[in-house]
Protein backbone atom coordinates (compact mmCIF):
# COMPACT_ATOMS: atom_id res chain seq x y z
CA UNK A 1 8.85 17.50 4.71
CA UNK A 2 4.98 17.56 4.97
CA UNK A 3 3.12 17.42 8.51
CA UNK A 4 1.71 14.77 9.86
CA UNK A 5 -0.66 13.78 12.75
CA UNK A 6 -0.94 10.48 14.10
CA UNK A 7 -4.63 9.55 14.38
CA UNK A 8 -6.24 5.89 14.90
CA UNK A 9 -8.82 4.05 12.89
CA UNK A 10 -11.95 2.21 15.31
CA UNK A 11 -14.93 1.88 13.62
CA UNK A 12 -15.01 5.31 11.81
CA UNK A 13 -13.79 7.11 14.90
CA UNK A 14 -10.18 8.88 15.33
CA UNK A 15 -7.99 7.83 17.94
CA UNK A 16 -4.32 7.82 17.87
CA UNK A 17 -1.36 5.64 15.81
CA UNK A 18 -2.00 6.25 12.24
CA UNK A 19 -0.55 8.64 10.47
CA UNK A 20 -2.72 11.17 8.55
CA UNK A 21 -0.93 13.71 6.16
CA UNK A 22 -2.47 16.97 5.92
CA UNK A 23 -4.41 16.27 3.00
CA UNK A 24 -6.24 13.35 5.31
CA UNK A 25 -4.62 10.54 3.16
CA UNK A 26 -3.34 7.70 5.30
CA UNK A 27 0.47 7.64 4.58
CA UNK A 28 1.99 4.53 3.14
CA UNK A 29 4.16 2.55 5.43
CA UNK A 30 8.06 2.99 4.65
CA UNK A 31 11.09 1.89 6.40
CA UNK A 32 13.14 5.10 8.25
CA UNK A 33 15.84 6.56 5.70
CA UNK A 34 18.27 6.39 8.58
CA UNK A 35 18.24 2.43 9.07
CA UNK A 36 18.19 2.13 5.13
CA UNK A 37 21.03 4.31 4.93
CA UNK A 38 23.75 1.81 7.06
CA UNK A 39 22.44 -0.95 3.82
CA UNK A 40 23.36 1.57 1.25
CA UNK A 41 26.98 1.35 1.46
CA UNK A 42 27.45 -2.45 2.27
CA UNK A 43 27.86 -5.04 -0.16
CA UNK A 44 25.18 -7.25 -1.24
CA UNK A 45 26.05 -11.38 1.07
CA UNK A 46 26.04 -13.02 -2.72
CA UNK A 47 28.99 -14.30 -4.82
CA UNK A 48 29.12 -13.13 -8.33
CA UNK A 49 26.61 -16.28 -9.61
CA UNK A 50 24.40 -14.77 -7.15
CA UNK A 51 24.69 -11.28 -7.92
CA UNK A 52 24.15 -11.82 -12.19
CA UNK A 53 21.12 -13.70 -11.00
CA UNK A 54 19.54 -11.08 -8.94
CA UNK A 55 20.03 -8.52 -11.28
CA UNK A 56 18.98 -9.99 -14.31
CA UNK A 57 15.83 -11.91 -12.85
CA UNK A 58 14.83 -9.73 -9.52
CA UNK A 59 16.08 -6.26 -9.35
CA UNK A 60 13.42 -3.89 -11.07
CA UNK A 61 14.11 -0.43 -13.15
CA UNK A 62 14.04 2.83 -11.71
CA UNK A 63 12.96 4.52 -14.52
CA UNK A 64 13.96 8.38 -13.08
CA UNK A 65 17.21 7.16 -12.75
CA UNK A 66 17.81 5.12 -15.67
CA UNK A 67 19.41 2.01 -13.56
CA UNK A 68 18.15 -0.93 -12.06
CA UNK A 69 17.52 -1.15 -7.89
CA UNK A 70 20.45 -2.86 -6.47
CA UNK A 71 20.23 -5.10 -3.60
CA UNK A 72 19.13 -3.29 -0.51
CA UNK A 73 16.91 -1.09 -2.40
CA UNK A 74 14.76 -4.42 -3.76
CA UNK A 75 14.69 -5.75 0.11
CA UNK A 76 13.29 -2.30 0.83
CA UNK A 77 10.75 -2.18 -1.80
CA UNK A 78 9.54 -5.66 -0.82
CA UNK A 79 9.63 -5.15 3.26
CA UNK A 80 7.33 -2.16 2.46
CA UNK A 81 5.02 -3.83 0.17
CA UNK A 82 4.19 -6.50 2.61
CA UNK A 83 3.49 -3.95 5.75
CA UNK A 84 1.40 -1.86 3.50
CA UNK A 85 -0.74 -4.72 2.47
CA UNK A 86 -0.88 -5.75 6.74
CA UNK A 87 -1.69 -1.71 7.02
CA UNK A 88 -4.24 -1.77 4.86
CA UNK A 89 -5.97 -4.91 6.00
CA UNK A 90 -5.54 -3.44 9.66
CA UNK A 91 -7.44 -0.43 8.42
CA UNK A 92 -9.77 -2.28 6.41
CA UNK A 93 -10.93 -4.59 8.89
CA UNK A 94 -11.11 -2.01 11.55
CA UNK A 95 -8.08 -3.56 13.58
CA UNK A 96 -4.67 -1.99 15.81
CA UNK A 97 -2.06 -0.62 13.67
CA UNK A 98 0.73 0.84 15.42
CA UNK A 99 3.11 2.12 13.68
CA UNK A 100 6.15 2.20 15.71
CA UNK A 101 5.69 -1.92 16.24
CA UNK A 102 5.47 -2.00 12.75
CA UNK A 103 8.62 0.13 11.65
CA UNK A 104 10.20 -2.56 14.65
CA UNK A 105 9.41 -5.85 13.37
CA UNK A 106 10.04 -4.24 9.28
CA UNK A 107 13.33 -3.98 10.52
CA UNK A 108 13.88 -6.76 11.69
CA UNK A 109 12.61 -8.56 8.83
CA UNK A 110 14.87 -6.37 6.58
CA UNK A 111 18.07 -7.57 8.38
CA UNK A 112 17.30 -11.18 7.69
CA UNK A 113 16.52 -10.95 3.97
CA UNK A 114 19.65 -9.23 3.80
CA UNK A 115 21.72 -11.80 5.28
CA UNK A 116 19.36 -14.65 3.63
CA UNK A 117 18.14 -15.73 7.12
CA UNK A 118 14.91 -15.12 5.81
CA UNK A 119 13.31 -14.95 2.02
CA UNK A 120 10.70 -14.40 0.00
CA UNK A 121 9.47 -16.10 -3.22
CA UNK A 122 11.18 -15.22 -6.50
CA UNK A 123 8.03 -14.01 -7.60
CA UNK A 124 7.50 -11.86 -3.88
CA UNK A 125 11.13 -10.48 -4.56
CA UNK A 126 10.00 -9.38 -7.97
CA UNK A 127 7.03 -7.98 -7.81
CA UNK A 128 6.02 -7.68 -3.92
CA UNK A 129 5.94 -3.17 -3.35
CA UNK A 130 5.01 -2.52 -6.79
CA UNK A 131 1.80 -0.93 -8.72
CA UNK A 132 0.86 -4.33 -10.32
CA UNK A 133 0.09 -5.93 -6.93
CA UNK A 134 -1.61 -2.68 -4.95
CA UNK A 135 -4.35 -2.83 -8.44
CA UNK A 136 -4.37 -6.70 -8.85
CA UNK A 137 -3.19 -8.29 -5.65
CA UNK A 138 -1.00 -10.90 -4.99
CA UNK A 139 -2.14 -13.43 -6.71
CA UNK A 140 -2.66 -11.13 -9.75
CA UNK A 141 -6.88 -11.62 -9.49
């Protein structure tokens, strides 16, 4: 694992709370693997029609593994995509970003999405966390 240092950027000055790797690139937000592992073995809370619709419409292909995402992986992509947009916004506008606070709130968001207590729009479920959103933005313009 690459060594990380903790920094915070404010008006061009280094402080604490941003994770910068050894090549001085800000690392993307990522949910803890141990948190996600709790969901990997669970069955998605949907019936067969929901599963067919999900795999047909929203699950993206993981080309390196030659398979489609599973529900827990799709939600990870979506939540991490949302939080990376927020992190980039904070960096770009010299706003405070707290990695530990983001981790806690992202885990709450993930849990609520997993059990359908909150849900993104279908297009968000399909596109969030992809390179398309990174390069074109959420509106695709």
